[in-house]
Every structure is written in structure tokens, then in C-alpha cells.
Amino acid sequence: MKLDEQLISDAQISAFIVGNFDTREFLLVDTSLWPPPDCIYGRGFVFVGTVGIVNGAPRAAFAVEIDDAAVSAIAMEWVRYLSAKIMPYLRLPEYESIQFLERLHALPDVRETACGR
């Protein structure tokens, strides 16, 4: 099994990296959407590698040699990709936030009973 295939197999979340080294533009494509649309290749993009999260740790497998500037650009895209995937699960509707705070306020203050007062 190739390194990128192993990464996708082991990862809880992963994406393919495509990029244009002339324009320094990189995109992440969900591994379930592969192959990407032809329009990506029309923009001069080539396959760069794969990134993922394996047991809470970031992992990457690159198909080509990349420089530090490309790593930085890919890291920025990875953060955008992850935030788009994760944020819907972190947002609570306003009424749920209010209900949570009301329930929190209604909890008994155990500091008084724990200190024997």
C-alpha cells in the first residue's frame, strides 16, 4: 500500500492536495470527491499529496518535493479545510447557549457543602 493510501485508510479526516506551483495556489479536495473536477486541472493544478489527522496527530504524504513556502501555503489551506469541516459541530444555536447557561446557574454550589459549612 502506498504512503498516501495508508494515510487515507488510517485518517479520521483527510484530503488530497492539488496545487499550482507557479501561482502558489493550493486546494484541498475531500478524499471522497476524488477525482476532482477537470476544471481544477485547467487552472494548472497538479496532484501534490495527501494530508490527514490520524489519532489526533496531523500527517502528510507528498508526491512531489515542496519548499517551505509551499508547506506554509498548504498549512493555511489545511486550517481552512478543517475549520469548515469542524465548525458546524461546534456552533450551538443561541437558544441552546442560553439554556446551557441557565442549567449551569441552577446547579447547586458544592463549595459550601464540600468545606463543611
PDB file of N, CA and C in Angstrom:
ATOM      1  N   MET A   1       0.843  -1.175   0.000  1.00  0.00           N
ATOM      2  CA  MET A   1       0.000   0.000   0.000  1.00  0.00           C
ATOM      3  C   MET A   1       0.892   1.243   0.000  1.00  0.00           C
ATOM      4  N   LYS A   2       0.563   2.214  -0.866  1.00  0.00           N
ATOM      5  CA  LYS A   2       1.341   3.443  -0.937  1.00  0.00           C
ATOM      6  C   LYS A   2       1.126   4.276   0.326  1.00  0.00           C
ATOM      7  N   LEU A   3       2.066   5.184   0.579  1.00  0.00           N
ATOM      8  CA  LEU A   3       2.008   6.015   1.776  1.00  0.00           C
ATOM      9  C   LEU A   3       0.737   6.842   1.830  1.00  0.00           C
ATOM     10  N   ASP A   4       0.323   7.457   0.694  1.00  0.00           N
ATOM     11  CA  ASP A   4      -0.891   8.271   0.710  1.00  0.00           C
ATOM     12  C   ASP A   4      -2.139   7.409   0.902  1.00  0.00           C
ATOM     13  N   GLU A   5      -2.152   6.210   0.362  1.00  0.00           N
ATOM     14  CA  GLU A   5      -3.284   5.304   0.572  1.00  0.00           C
ATOM     15  C   GLU A   5      -3.368   4.877   2.037  1.00  0.00           C
ATOM     16  N   GLN A   6      -2.217   4.623   2.652  1.00  0.00           N
ATOM     17  CA  GLN A   6      -2.182   4.259   4.066  1.00  0.00           C
ATOM     18  C   GLN A   6      -2.685   5.416   4.924  1.00  0.00           C
ATOM     19  N   LEU A   7      -2.282   6.627   4.589  1.00  0.00           N
ATOM     20  CA  LEU A   7      -2.728   7.808   5.325  1.00  0.00           C
ATOM     21  C   LEU A   7      -4.241   7.945   5.252  1.00  0.00           C
ATOM     22  N   ILE A   8      -4.799   7.808   4.071  1.00  0.00           N
ATOM     23  CA  ILE A   8      -6.256   7.916   3.906  1.00  0.00           C
ATOM     24  C   ILE A   8      -6.954   6.809   4.684  1.00  0.00           C
ATOM     25  N   SER A   9      -6.414   5.617   4.645  1.00  0.00           N
ATOM     26  CA  SER A   9      -7.002   4.480   5.351  1.00  0.00           C
ATOM     27  C   SER A   9      -7.005   4.688   6.859  1.00  0.00           C
ATOM     28  N   ASP A  10      -5.923   5.243   7.401  1.00  0.00           N
ATOM     29  CA  ASP A  10      -5.781   5.413   8.847  1.00  0.00           C
ATOM     30  C   ASP A  10      -6.423   6.685   9.380  1.00  0.00           C
ATOM     31  N   ALA A  11      -6.633   7.681   8.534  1.00  0.00           N
ATOM     32  CA  ALA A  11      -7.052   9.008   8.975  1.00  0.00           C
ATOM     33  C   ALA A  11      -8.534   9.071   9.335  1.00  0.00           C
ATOM     34  N   GLN A  12      -8.830   9.886  10.329  1.00  0.00           N
ATOM     35  CA  GLN A  12     -10.209  10.172  10.673  1.00  0.00           C
ATOM     36  C   GLN A  12     -10.778  11.261   9.757  1.00  0.00           C
ATOM     37  N   ILE A  13      -9.900  12.110   9.249  1.00  0.00           N
ATOM     38  CA  ILE A  13     -10.273  13.123   8.265  1.00  0.00           C
ATOM     39  C   ILE A  13      -9.066  13.309   7.352  1.00  0.00           C
ATOM     40  N   SER A  14      -9.300  13.416   6.051  1.00  0.00           N
ATOM     41  CA  SER A  14      -8.178  13.552   5.124  1.00  0.00           C
ATOM     42  C   SER A  14      -8.607  14.302   3.875  1.00  0.00           C
ATOM     43  N   ALA A  15      -7.593  14.772   3.144  1.00  0.00           N
ATOM     44  CA  ALA A  15      -7.853  15.497   1.899  1.00  0.00           C
ATOM     45  C   ALA A  15      -6.657  15.334   0.966  1.00  0.00           C
ATOM     46  N   PHE A  16      -6.955  15.402  -0.327  1.00  0.00           N
ATOM     47  CA  PHE A  16      -5.898  15.433  -1.331  1.00  0.00           C
ATOM     48  C   PHE A  16      -5.468  16.880  -1.517  1.00  0.00           C
ATOM     49  N   ILE A  17      -4.194  17.084  -1.781  1.00  0.00           N
ATOM     50  CA  ILE A  17      -3.663  18.420  -2.058  1.00  0.00           C
ATOM     51  C   ILE A  17      -3.404  18.509  -3.552  1.00  0.00           C
ATOM     52  N   VAL A  18      -3.951  19.542  -4.177  1.00  0.00           N
ATOM     53  CA  VAL A  18      -3.609  19.867  -5.558  1.00  0.00           C
ATOM     54  C   VAL A  18      -3.085  21.297  -5.544  1.00  0.00           C
ATOM     55  N   GLY A  19      -2.167  21.590  -6.429  1.00  0.00           N
ATOM     56  CA  GLY A  19      -1.598  22.925  -6.401  1.00  0.00           C
ATOM     57  C   GLY A  19      -1.008  23.360  -7.717  1.00  0.00           C
ATOM     58  N   ASN A  20      -0.826  24.655  -7.822  1.00  0.00           N
ATOM     59  CA  ASN A  20      -0.153  25.272  -8.960  1.00  0.00           C
ATOM     60  C   ASN A  20       1.082  25.964  -8.388  1.00  0.00           C
ATOM     61  N   PHE A  21       2.244  25.421  -8.654  1.00  0.00           N
ATOM     62  CA  PHE A  21       3.484  25.960  -8.081  1.00  0.00           C
ATOM     63  C   PHE A  21       3.878  27.301  -8.692  1.00  0.00           C
ATOM     64  N   ASP A  22       3.388  27.607  -9.898  1.00  0.00           N
ATOM     65  CA  ASP A  22       3.689  28.903 -10.499  1.00  0.00           C
ATOM     66  C   ASP A  22       2.941  30.025  -9.795  1.00  0.00           C
ATOM     67  N   THR A  23       1.677  29.788  -9.446  1.00  0.00           N
ATOM     68  CA  THR A  23       0.861  30.815  -8.790  1.00  0.00           C
ATOM     69  C   THR A  23       0.865  30.672  -7.263  1.00  0.00           C
ATOM     70  N   ARG A  24       1.442  29.584  -6.753  1.00  0.00           N
ATOM     71  CA  ARG A  24       1.470  29.290  -5.309  1.00  0.00           C
ATOM     72  C   ARG A  24       0.065  29.134  -4.736  1.00  0.00           C
ATOM     73  N   GLU A  25      -0.826  28.619  -5.561  1.00  0.00           N
ATOM     74  CA  GLU A  25      -2.203  28.380  -5.135  1.00  0.00           C
ATOM     75  C   GLU A  25      -2.375  26.885  -4.881  1.00  0.00           C
ATOM     76  N   PHE A  26      -2.939  26.554  -3.717  1.00  0.00           N
ATOM     77  CA  PHE A  26      -3.160  25.158  -3.353  1.00  0.00           C
ATOM     78  C   PHE A  26      -4.605  24.975  -2.919  1.00  0.00           C
ATOM     79  N   LEU A  27      -5.157  23.827  -3.238  1.00  0.00           N
ATOM     80  CA  LEU A  27      -6.528  23.483  -2.837  1.00  0.00           C
ATOM     81  C   LEU A  27      -6.518  22.116  -2.179  1.00  0.00           C
ATOM     82  N   LEU A  28      -7.444  21.924  -1.258  1.00  0.00           N
ATOM     83  CA  LEU A  28      -7.632  20.617  -0.641  1.00  0.00           C
ATOM     84  C   LEU A  28      -8.955  20.056  -1.126  1.00  0.00           C
ATOM     85  N   VAL A  29      -8.928  18.801  -1.537  1.00  0.00           N
ATOM     86  CA  VAL A  29     -10.108  18.131  -2.081  1.00  0.00           C
ATOM     87  C   VAL A  29     -10.418  16.941  -1.183  1.00  0.00           C
ATOM     88  N   ASP A  30     -11.650  16.879  -0.698  1.00  0.00           N
ATOM     89  CA  ASP A  30     -12.071  15.753   0.145  1.00  0.00           C
ATOM     90  C   ASP A  30     -11.778  14.441  -0.579  1.00  0.00           C
ATOM     91  N   THR A  31     -11.227  13.491   0.143  1.00  0.00           N
ATOM     92  CA  THR A  31     -10.850  12.224  -0.484  1.00  0.00           C
ATOM     93  C   THR A  31     -12.048  11.466  -1.037  1.00  0.00           C
ATOM     94  N   SER A  32     -13.239  11.740  -0.531  1.00  0.00           N
ATOM     95  CA  SER A  32     -14.430  11.066  -1.057  1.00  0.00           C
ATOM     96  C   SER A  32     -14.871  11.667  -2.398  1.00  0.00           C
ATOM     97  N   LEU A  33     -14.320  12.827  -2.756  1.00  0.00           N
ATOM     98  CA  LEU A  33     -14.700  13.504  -4.006  1.00  0.00           C
ATOM     99  C   LEU A  33     -13.684  13.298  -5.117  1.00  0.00           C
ATOM    100  N   TRP A  34     -12.779  12.366  -4.931  1.00  0.00           N
ATOM    101  CA  TRP A  34     -11.746  12.136  -5.937  1.00  0.00           C
ATOM    102  C   TRP A  34     -12.286  11.328  -7.089  1.00  0.00           C
ATOM    103  N   PRO A  35     -11.974  11.535  -8.328  1.00  0.00           N
ATOM    104  CA  PRO A  35     -11.071  12.558  -8.827  1.00  0.00           C
ATOM    105  C   PRO A  35     -11.747  13.930  -8.844  1.00  0.00           C
ATOM    106  N   PRO A  36     -10.956  14.982  -8.721  1.00  0.00           N
ATOM    107  CA  PRO A  36     -11.526  16.336  -8.724  1.00  0.00           C
ATOM    108  C   PRO A  36     -12.026  16.712 -10.112  1.00  0.00           C
ATOM    109  N   PRO A  37     -12.847  17.745 -10.190  1.00  0.00           N
ATOM    110  CA  PRO A  37     -13.357  18.177 -11.497  1.00  0.00           C
ATOM    111  C   PRO A  37     -12.222  18.574 -12.443  1.00  0.00           C
ATOM    112  N   ASP A  38     -12.455  18.381 -13.724  1.00  0.00           N
ATOM    113  CA  ASP A  38     -11.442  18.705 -14.738  1.00  0.00           C
ATOM    114  C   ASP A  38     -11.045  20.182 -14.712  1.00  0.00           C
ATOM    115  N   CYS A  39     -11.953  21.054 -14.256  1.00  0.00           N
ATOM    116  CA  CYS A  39     -11.647  22.485 -14.256  1.00  0.00           C
ATOM    117  C   CYS A  39     -10.444  22.793 -13.362  1.00  0.00           C
ATOM    118  N   ILE A  40     -10.187  21.975 -12.352  1.00  0.00           N
ATOM    119  CA  ILE A  40      -9.024  22.190 -11.495  1.00  0.00           C
ATOM    120  C   ILE A  40      -7.745  22.026 -12.310  1.00  0.00           C
ATOM    121  N   TYR A  41      -7.707  20.995 -13.142  1.00  0.00           N
ATOM    122  CA  TYR A  41      -6.512  20.776 -13.947  1.00  0.00           C
ATOM    123  C   TYR A  41      -6.375  21.828 -15.039  1.00  0.00           C
ATOM    124  N   GLY A  42      -7.478  22.410 -15.454  1.00  0.00           N
ATOM    125  CA  GLY A  42      -7.431  23.502 -16.421  1.00  0.00           C
ATOM    126  C   GLY A  42      -6.779  24.744 -15.851  1.00  0.00           C
ATOM    127  N   ARG A  43      -6.727  24.853 -14.539  1.00  0.00           N
ATOM    128  CA  ARG A  43      -6.097  26.002 -13.870  1.00  0.00           C
ATOM    129  C   ARG A  43      -4.624  25.724 -13.573  1.00  0.00           C
ATOM    130  N   GLY A  44      -4.093  24.647 -14.100  1.00  0.00           N
ATOM    131  CA  GLY A  44      -2.679  24.349 -13.916  1.00  0.00           C
ATOM    132  C   GLY A  44      -2.359  23.599 -12.637  1.00  0.00           C
ATOM    133  N   PHE A  45      -3.353  23.039 -11.995  1.00  0.00           N
ATOM    134  CA  PHE A  45      -3.127  22.294 -10.761  1.00  0.00           C
ATOM    135  C   PHE A  45      -2.603  20.896 -11.060  1.00  0.00           C
ATOM    136  N   VAL A  46      -1.737  20.430 -10.179  1.00  0.00           N
ATOM    137  CA  VAL A  46      -1.217  19.070 -10.247  1.00  0.00           C
ATOM    138  C   VAL A  46      -1.409  18.429  -8.876  1.00  0.00           C
ATOM    139  N   PHE A  47      -1.398  17.110  -8.842  1.00  0.00           N
ATOM    140  CA  PHE A  47      -1.505  16.398  -7.568  1.00  0.00           C
ATOM    141  C   PHE A  47      -0.217  16.629  -6.776  1.00  0.00           C
ATOM    142  N   VAL A  48      -0.367  17.043  -5.506  1.00  0.00           N
ATOM    143  CA  VAL A  48       0.779  17.349  -4.645  1.00  0.00           C
ATOM    144  C   VAL A  48       0.943  16.302  -3.555  1.00  0.00           C
ATOM    145  N   GLY A  49      -0.173  15.816  -2.997  1.00  0.00           N
ATOM    146  CA  GLY A  49      -0.075  14.835  -1.920  1.00  0.00           C
ATOM    147  C   GLY A  49      -1.368  14.703  -1.150  1.00  0.00           C
ATOM    148  N   THR A  50      -1.234  14.234   0.074  1.00  0.00           N
ATOM    149  CA  THR A  50      -2.384  13.961   0.936  1.00  0.00           C
ATOM    150  C   THR A  50      -2.069  14.438   2.349  1.00  0.00           C
ATOM    151  N   VAL A  51      -3.077  15.008   3.007  1.00  0.00           N
ATOM    152  CA  VAL A  51      -2.950  15.387   4.416  1.00  0.00           C
ATOM    153  C   VAL A  51      -4.081  14.746   5.195  1.00  0.00           C
ATOM    154  N   GLY A  52      -3.870  14.544   6.479  1.00  0.00           N
ATOM    155  CA  GLY A  52      -4.915  13.951   7.294  1.00  0.00           C
ATOM    156  C   GLY A  52      -4.622  14.059   8.774  1.00  0.00           C
ATOM    157  N   ILE A  53      -5.608  13.676   9.563  1.00  0.00           N
ATOM    158  CA  ILE A  53      -5.474  13.581  11.015  1.00  0.00           C
ATOM    159  C   ILE A  53      -5.599  12.101  11.357  1.00  0.00           C
ATOM    160  N   VAL A  54      -4.544  11.551  11.974  1.00  0.00           N
ATOM    161  CA  VAL A  54      -4.517  10.143  12.372  1.00  0.00           C
ATOM    162  C   VAL A  54      -4.375  10.096  13.888  1.00  0.00           C
ATOM    163  N   ASN A  55      -5.399   9.606  14.553  1.00  0.00           N
ATOM    164  CA  ASN A  55      -5.404   9.529  16.019  1.00  0.00           C
ATOM    165  C   ASN A  55      -5.023  10.853  16.664  1.00  0.00           C
ATOM    166  N   GLY A  56      -5.569  11.942  16.147  1.00  0.00           N
ATOM    167  CA  GLY A  56      -5.350  13.264  16.711  1.00  0.00           C
ATOM    168  C   GLY A  56      -4.079  13.963  16.270  1.00  0.00           C
ATOM    169  N   ALA A  57      -3.253  13.321  15.470  1.00  0.00           N
ATOM    170  CA  ALA A  57      -1.989  13.921  15.025  1.00  0.00           C
ATOM    171  C   ALA A  57      -2.023  14.212  13.525  1.00  0.00           C
ATOM    172  N   PRO A  58      -1.526  15.385  13.117  1.00  0.00           N
ATOM    173  CA  PRO A  58      -1.501  15.696  11.688  1.00  0.00           C
ATOM    174  C   PRO A  58      -0.454  14.852  10.962  1.00  0.00           C
ATOM    175  N   ARG A  59      -0.800  14.438   9.755  1.00  0.00           N
ATOM    176  CA  ARG A  59       0.109  13.643   8.926  1.00  0.00           C
ATOM    177  C   ARG A  59       0.022  14.154   7.489  1.00  0.00           C
ATOM    178  N   ALA A  60       1.109  14.010   6.744  1.00  0.00           N
ATOM    179  CA  ALA A  60       1.125  14.410   5.334  1.00  0.00           C
ATOM    180  C   ALA A  60       1.991  13.447   4.554  1.00  0.00           C
ATOM    181  N   ALA A  61       1.609  13.217   3.316  1.00  0.00           N
ATOM    182  CA  ALA A  61       2.391  12.405   2.388  1.00  0.00           C
ATOM    183  C   ALA A  61       2.429  13.182   1.072  1.00  0.00           C
ATOM    184  N   PHE A  62       3.619  13.632   0.689  1.00  0.00           N
ATOM    185  CA  PHE A  62       3.759  14.446  -0.515  1.00  0.00           C
ATOM    186  C   PHE A  62       4.263  13.608  -1.683  1.00  0.00           C
ATOM    187  N   ALA A  63       3.676  13.853  -2.855  1.00  0.00           N
ATOM    188  CA  ALA A  63       4.058  13.129  -4.066  1.00  0.00           C
ATOM    189  C   ALA A  63       5.194  13.832  -4.794  1.00  0.00           C
ATOM    190  N   VAL A  64       5.415  15.091  -4.448  1.00  0.00           N
ATOM    191  CA  VAL A  64       6.481  15.878  -5.075  1.00  0.00           C
ATOM    192  C   VAL A  64       7.255  16.596  -3.978  1.00  0.00           C
ATOM    193  N   GLU A  65       8.454  17.030  -4.324  1.00  0.00           N
ATOM    194  CA  GLU A  65       9.245  17.800  -3.358  1.00  0.00           C
ATOM    195  C   GLU A  65       8.688  19.215  -3.291  1.00  0.00           C
ATOM    196  N   ILE A  66       8.510  19.710  -2.067  1.00  0.00           N
ATOM    197  CA  ILE A  66       7.961  21.057  -1.909  1.00  0.00           C
ATOM    198  C   ILE A  66       8.878  21.883  -1.009  1.00  0.00           C
ATOM    199  N   ASP A  67       8.841  23.202  -1.220  1.00  0.00           N
ATOM    200  CA  ASP A  67       9.675  24.097  -0.420  1.00  0.00           C
ATOM    201  C   ASP A  67       8.888  24.633   0.773  1.00  0.00           C
ATOM    202  N   ASP A  68       9.567  25.405   1.609  1.00  0.00           N
ATOM    203  CA  ASP A  68       8.950  25.926   2.834  1.00  0.00           C
ATOM    204  C   ASP A  68       7.743  26.816   2.556  1.00  0.00           C
ATOM    205  N   ALA A  69       7.817  27.618   1.505  1.00  0.00           N
ATOM    206  CA  ALA A  69       6.695  28.497   1.164  1.00  0.00           C
ATOM    207  C   ALA A  69       5.459  27.683   0.789  1.00  0.00           C
ATOM    208  N   ALA A  70       5.664  26.596   0.078  1.00  0.00           N
ATOM    209  CA  ALA A  70       4.540  25.724  -0.285  1.00  0.00           C
ATOM    210  C   ALA A  70       3.967  25.046   0.949  1.00  0.00           C
ATOM    211  N   VAL A  71       4.832  24.615   1.871  1.00  0.00           N
ATOM    212  CA  VAL A  71       4.357  23.998   3.118  1.00  0.00           C
ATOM    213  C   VAL A  71       3.481  24.986   3.882  1.00  0.00           C
ATOM    214  N   SER A  72       3.912  26.237   3.968  1.00  0.00           N
ATOM    215  CA  SER A  72       3.130  27.263   4.665  1.00  0.00           C
ATOM    216  C   SER A  72       1.777  27.482   3.999  1.00  0.00           C
ATOM    217  N   ALA A  73       1.765  27.565   2.678  1.00  0.00           N
ATOM    218  CA  ALA A  73       0.510  27.773   1.954  1.00  0.00           C
ATOM    219  C   ALA A  73      -0.428  26.575   2.131  1.00  0.00           C
ATOM    220  N   ILE A  74       0.122  25.377   2.102  1.00  0.00           N
ATOM    221  CA  ILE A  74      -0.689  24.164   2.290  1.00  0.00           C
ATOM    222  C   ILE A  74      -1.229  24.112   3.715  1.00  0.00           C
ATOM    223  N   ALA A  75      -0.406  24.500   4.685  1.00  0.00           N
ATOM    224  CA  ALA A  75      -0.858  24.516   6.084  1.00  0.00           C
ATOM    225  C   ALA A  75      -2.031  25.473   6.265  1.00  0.00           C
ATOM    226  N   MET A  76      -1.979  26.637   5.614  1.00  0.00           N
ATOM    227  CA  MET A  76      -3.097  27.589   5.697  1.00  0.00           C
ATOM    228  C   MET A  76      -4.364  26.988   5.094  1.00  0.00           C
ATOM    229  N   GLU A  77      -4.227  26.327   3.962  1.00  0.00           N
ATOM    230  CA  GLU A  77      -5.390  25.687   3.347  1.00  0.00           C
ATOM    231  C   GLU A  77      -5.929  24.567   4.233  1.00  0.00           C
ATOM    232  N   TRP A  78      -5.055  23.819   4.905  1.00  0.00           N
ATOM    233  CA  TRP A  78      -5.457  22.729   5.792  1.00  0.00           C
ATOM    234  C   TRP A  78      -6.276  23.282   6.964  1.00  0.00           C
ATOM    235  N   VAL A  79      -5.845  24.409   7.524  1.00  0.00           N
ATOM    236  CA  VAL A  79      -6.591  25.029   8.621  1.00  0.00           C
ATOM    237  C   VAL A  79      -7.969  25.461   8.136  1.00  0.00           C
ATOM    238  N   ARG A  80      -8.044  26.070   6.966  1.00  0.00           N
ATOM    239  CA  ARG A  80      -9.349  26.469   6.401  1.00  0.00           C
ATOM    240  C   ARG A  80     -10.241  25.247   6.169  1.00  0.00           C
ATOM    241  N   TYR A  81      -9.650  24.205   5.630  1.00  0.00           N
ATOM    242  CA  TYR A  81     -10.398  22.974   5.346  1.00  0.00           C
ATOM    243  C   TYR A  81     -10.946  22.367   6.637  1.00  0.00           C
ATOM    244  N   LEU A  82     -10.087  22.264   7.654  1.00  0.00           N
ATOM    245  CA  LEU A  82     -10.529  21.691   8.931  1.00  0.00           C
ATOM    246  C   LEU A  82     -11.598  22.543   9.591  1.00  0.00           C
ATOM    247  N   SER A  83     -11.418  23.851   9.576  1.00  0.00           N
ATOM    248  CA  SER A  83     -12.411  24.701  10.226  1.00  0.00           C
ATOM    249  C   SER A  83     -13.763  24.586   9.537  1.00  0.00           C
ATOM    250  N   ALA A  84     -13.769  24.483   8.217  1.00  0.00           N
ATOM    251  CA  ALA A  84     -15.037  24.319   7.500  1.00  0.00           C
ATOM    252  C   ALA A  84     -15.702  22.989   7.854  1.00  0.00           C
ATOM    253  N   LYS A  85     -14.896  21.955   8.085  1.00  0.00           N
ATOM    254  CA  LYS A  85     -15.441  20.638   8.436  1.00  0.00           C
ATOM    255  C   LYS A  85     -15.916  20.575   9.891  1.00  0.00           C
ATOM    256  N   ILE A  86     -15.190  21.231  10.794  1.00  0.00           N
ATOM    257  CA  ILE A  86     -15.436  21.093  12.223  1.00  0.00           C
ATOM    258  C   ILE A  86     -16.433  22.112  12.765  1.00  0.00           C
ATOM    259  N   MET A  87     -16.407  23.334  12.274  1.00  0.00           N
ATOM    260  CA  MET A  87     -17.223  24.403  12.856  1.00  0.00           C
ATOM    261  C   MET A  87     -18.715  24.085  12.955  1.00  0.00           C
ATOM    262  N   PRO A  88     -19.324  23.436  11.982  1.00  0.00           N
ATOM    263  CA  PRO A  88     -20.760  23.138  12.152  1.00  0.00           C
ATOM    264  C   PRO A  88     -21.059  22.323  13.413  1.00  0.00           C
ATOM    265  N   TYR A  89     -20.110  21.527  13.866  1.00  0.00           N
ATOM    266  CA  TYR A  89     -20.320  20.719  15.055  1.00  0.00           C
ATOM    267  C   TYR A  89     -20.075  21.504  16.341  1.00  0.00           C
ATOM    268  N   LEU A  90     -19.375  22.620  16.247  1.00  0.00           N
ATOM    269  CA  LEU A  90     -19.034  23.404  17.429  1.00  0.00           C
ATOM    270  C   LEU A  90     -20.020  24.522  17.714  1.00  0.00           C
ATOM    271  N   ARG A  91     -20.775  24.909  16.718  1.00  0.00           N
ATOM    272  CA  ARG A  91     -21.705  26.020  16.890  1.00  0.00           C
ATOM    273  C   ARG A  91     -22.995  25.539  17.540  1.00  0.00           C
ATOM    274  N   LEU A  92     -23.392  26.255  18.581  1.00  0.00           N
ATOM    275  CA  LEU A  92     -24.682  25.996  19.215  1.00  0.00           C
ATOM    276  C   LEU A  92     -25.634  27.112  18.818  1.00  0.00           C
ATOM    277  N   PRO A  93     -26.861  26.774  18.499  1.00  0.00           N
ATOM    278  CA  PRO A  93     -27.829  27.844  18.277  1.00  0.00           C
ATOM    279  C   PRO A  93     -27.942  28.692  19.550  1.00  0.00           C
ATOM    280  N   GLU A  94     -28.310  29.948  19.380  1.00  0.00           N
ATOM    281  CA  GLU A  94     -28.342  30.874  20.513  1.00  0.00           C
ATOM    282  C   GLU A  94     -29.210  30.359  21.657  1.00  0.00           C
ATOM    283  N   TYR A  95     -30.370  29.789  21.345  1.00  0.00           N
ATOM    284  CA  TYR A  95     -31.250  29.333  22.420  1.00  0.00           C
ATOM    285  C   TYR A  95     -30.623  28.188  23.210  1.00  0.00           C
ATOM    286  N   GLU A  96     -29.819  27.347  22.547  1.00  0.00           N
ATOM    287  CA  GLU A  96     -29.155  26.266  23.271  1.00  0.00           C
ATOM    288  C   GLU A  96     -28.085  26.824  24.205  1.00  0.00           C
ATOM    289  N   SER A  97     -27.404  27.875  23.779  1.00  0.00           N
ATOM    290  CA  SER A  97     -26.409  28.502  24.641  1.00  0.00           C
ATOM    291  C   SER A  97     -27.062  29.073  25.886  1.00  0.00           C
ATOM    292  N   ILE A  98     -28.191  29.720  25.714  1.00  0.00           N
ATOM    293  CA  ILE A  98     -28.913  30.297  26.852  1.00  0.00           C
ATOM    294  C   ILE A  98     -29.394  29.196  27.783  1.00  0.00           C
ATOM    295  N   GLN A  99     -29.941  28.125  27.211  1.00  0.00           N
ATOM    296  CA  GLN A  99     -30.402  27.010  28.042  1.00  0.00           C
ATOM    297  C   GLN A  99     -29.238  26.397  28.816  1.00  0.00           C
ATOM    298  N   PHE A 100     -28.086  26.272  28.188  1.00  0.00           N
ATOM    299  CA  PHE A 100     -26.921  25.723  28.873  1.00  0.00           C
ATOM    300  C   PHE A 100     -26.540  26.599  30.061  1.00  0.00           C
ATOM    301  N   LEU A 101     -26.503  27.913  29.862  1.00  0.00           N
ATOM    302  CA  LEU A 101     -26.130  28.819  30.951  1.00  0.00           C
ATOM    303  C   LEU A 101     -27.161  28.785  32.075  1.00  0.00           C
ATOM    304  N   GLU A 102     -28.438  28.661  31.747  1.00  0.00           N
ATOM    305  CA  GLU A 102     -29.475  28.561  32.780  1.00  0.00           C
ATOM    306  C   GLU A 102     -29.302  27.280  33.592  1.00  0.00           C
ATOM    307  N   ARG A 103     -29.017  26.169  32.923  1.00  0.00           N
ATOM    308  CA  ARG A 103     -28.788  24.912  33.644  1.00  0.00           C
ATOM    309  C   ARG A 103     -27.528  24.996  34.503  1.00  0.00           C
ATOM    310  N   LEU A 104     -26.507  25.651  34.002  1.00  0.00           N
ATOM    311  CA  LEU A 104     -25.270  25.818  34.756  1.00  0.00           C
ATOM    312  C   LEU A 104     -25.524  26.651  36.015  1.00  0.00           C
ATOM    313  N   HIS A 105     -26.277  27.705  35.887  1.00  0.00           N
ATOM    314  CA  HIS A 105     -26.592  28.577  37.021  1.00  0.00           C
ATOM    315  C   HIS A 105     -27.444  27.847  38.066  1.00  0.00           C
ATOM    316  N   ALA A 106     -28.270  26.907  37.633  1.00  0.00           N
ATOM    317  CA  ALA A 106     -29.164  26.185  38.546  1.00  0.00           C
ATOM    318  C   ALA A 106     -28.450  25.082  39.330  1.00  0.00           C
ATOM    319  N   LEU A 107     -27.230  24.741  38.972  1.00  0.00           N
ATOM    320  CA  LEU A 107     -26.511  23.691  39.694  1.00  0.00           C
ATOM    321  C   LEU A 107     -26.240  24.132  41.135  1.00  0.00           C
ATOM    322  N   PRO A 108     -26.300  23.191  42.081  1.00  0.00           N
ATOM    323  CA  PRO A 108     -26.004  23.561  43.472  1.00  0.00           C
ATOM    324  C   PRO A 108     -24.535  23.927  43.637  1.00  0.00           C
ATOM    325  N   ASP A 109     -24.279  24.848  44.537  1.00  0.00           N
ATOM    326  CA  ASP A 109     -22.912  25.269  44.823  1.00  0.00           C
ATOM    327  C   ASP A 109     -22.315  24.280  45.806  1.00  0.00           C
ATOM    328  N   VAL A 110     -21.476  23.389  45.305  1.00  0.00           N
ATOM    329  CA  VAL A 110     -20.924  22.328  46.156  1.00  0.00           C
ATOM    330  C   VAL A 110     -19.760  22.820  47.001  1.00  0.00           C
ATOM    331  N   ARG A 111     -19.309  24.020  46.770  1.00  0.00           N
ATOM    332  CA  ARG A 111     -18.200  24.529  47.585  1.00  0.00           C
ATOM    333  C   ARG A 111     -18.595  24.639  49.047  1.00  0.00           C
ATOM    334  N   GLU A 112     -19.832  25.033  49.312  1.00  0.00           N
ATOM    335  CA  GLU A 112     -20.262  25.174  50.702  1.00  0.00           C
ATOM    336  C   GLU A 112     -20.365  23.818  51.399  1.00  0.00           C
ATOM    337  N   THR A 113     -20.911  22.832  50.715  1.00  0.00           N
ATOM    338  CA  THR A 113     -21.071  21.509  51.348  1.00  0.00           C
ATOM    339  C   THR A 113     -19.745  20.765  51.414  1.00  0.00           C
ATOM    340  N   ALA A 114     -18.857  21.003  50.471  1.00  0.00           N
ATOM    341  CA  ALA A 114     -17.576  20.308  50.475  1.00  0.00           C
ATOM    342  C   ALA A 114     -16.658  20.799  51.586  1.00  0.00           C
ATOM    343  N   CYS A 115     -16.845  22.027  52.008  1.00  0.00           N
ATOM    344  CA  CYS A 115     -15.987  22.595  53.061  1.00  0.00           C
ATOM    345  C   CYS A 115     -16.590  22.403  54.437  1.00  0.00           C
ATOM    346  N   GLY A 116     -17.745  21.786  54.535  1.00  0.00           N
ATOM    347  CA  GLY A 116     -18.377  21.520  55.817  1.00  0.00           C
ATOM    348  C   GLY A 116     -19.057  22.722  56.427  1.00  0.00           C
ATOM    349  N   ARG A 117     -19.462  23.694  55.651  1.00  0.00           N
ATOM    350  CA  ARG A 117     -20.167  24.881  56.173  1.00  0.00           C
ATOM    351  C   ARG A 117     -21.647  24.663  56.226  1.00  0.00           C
TER     352      ARG A 117
END
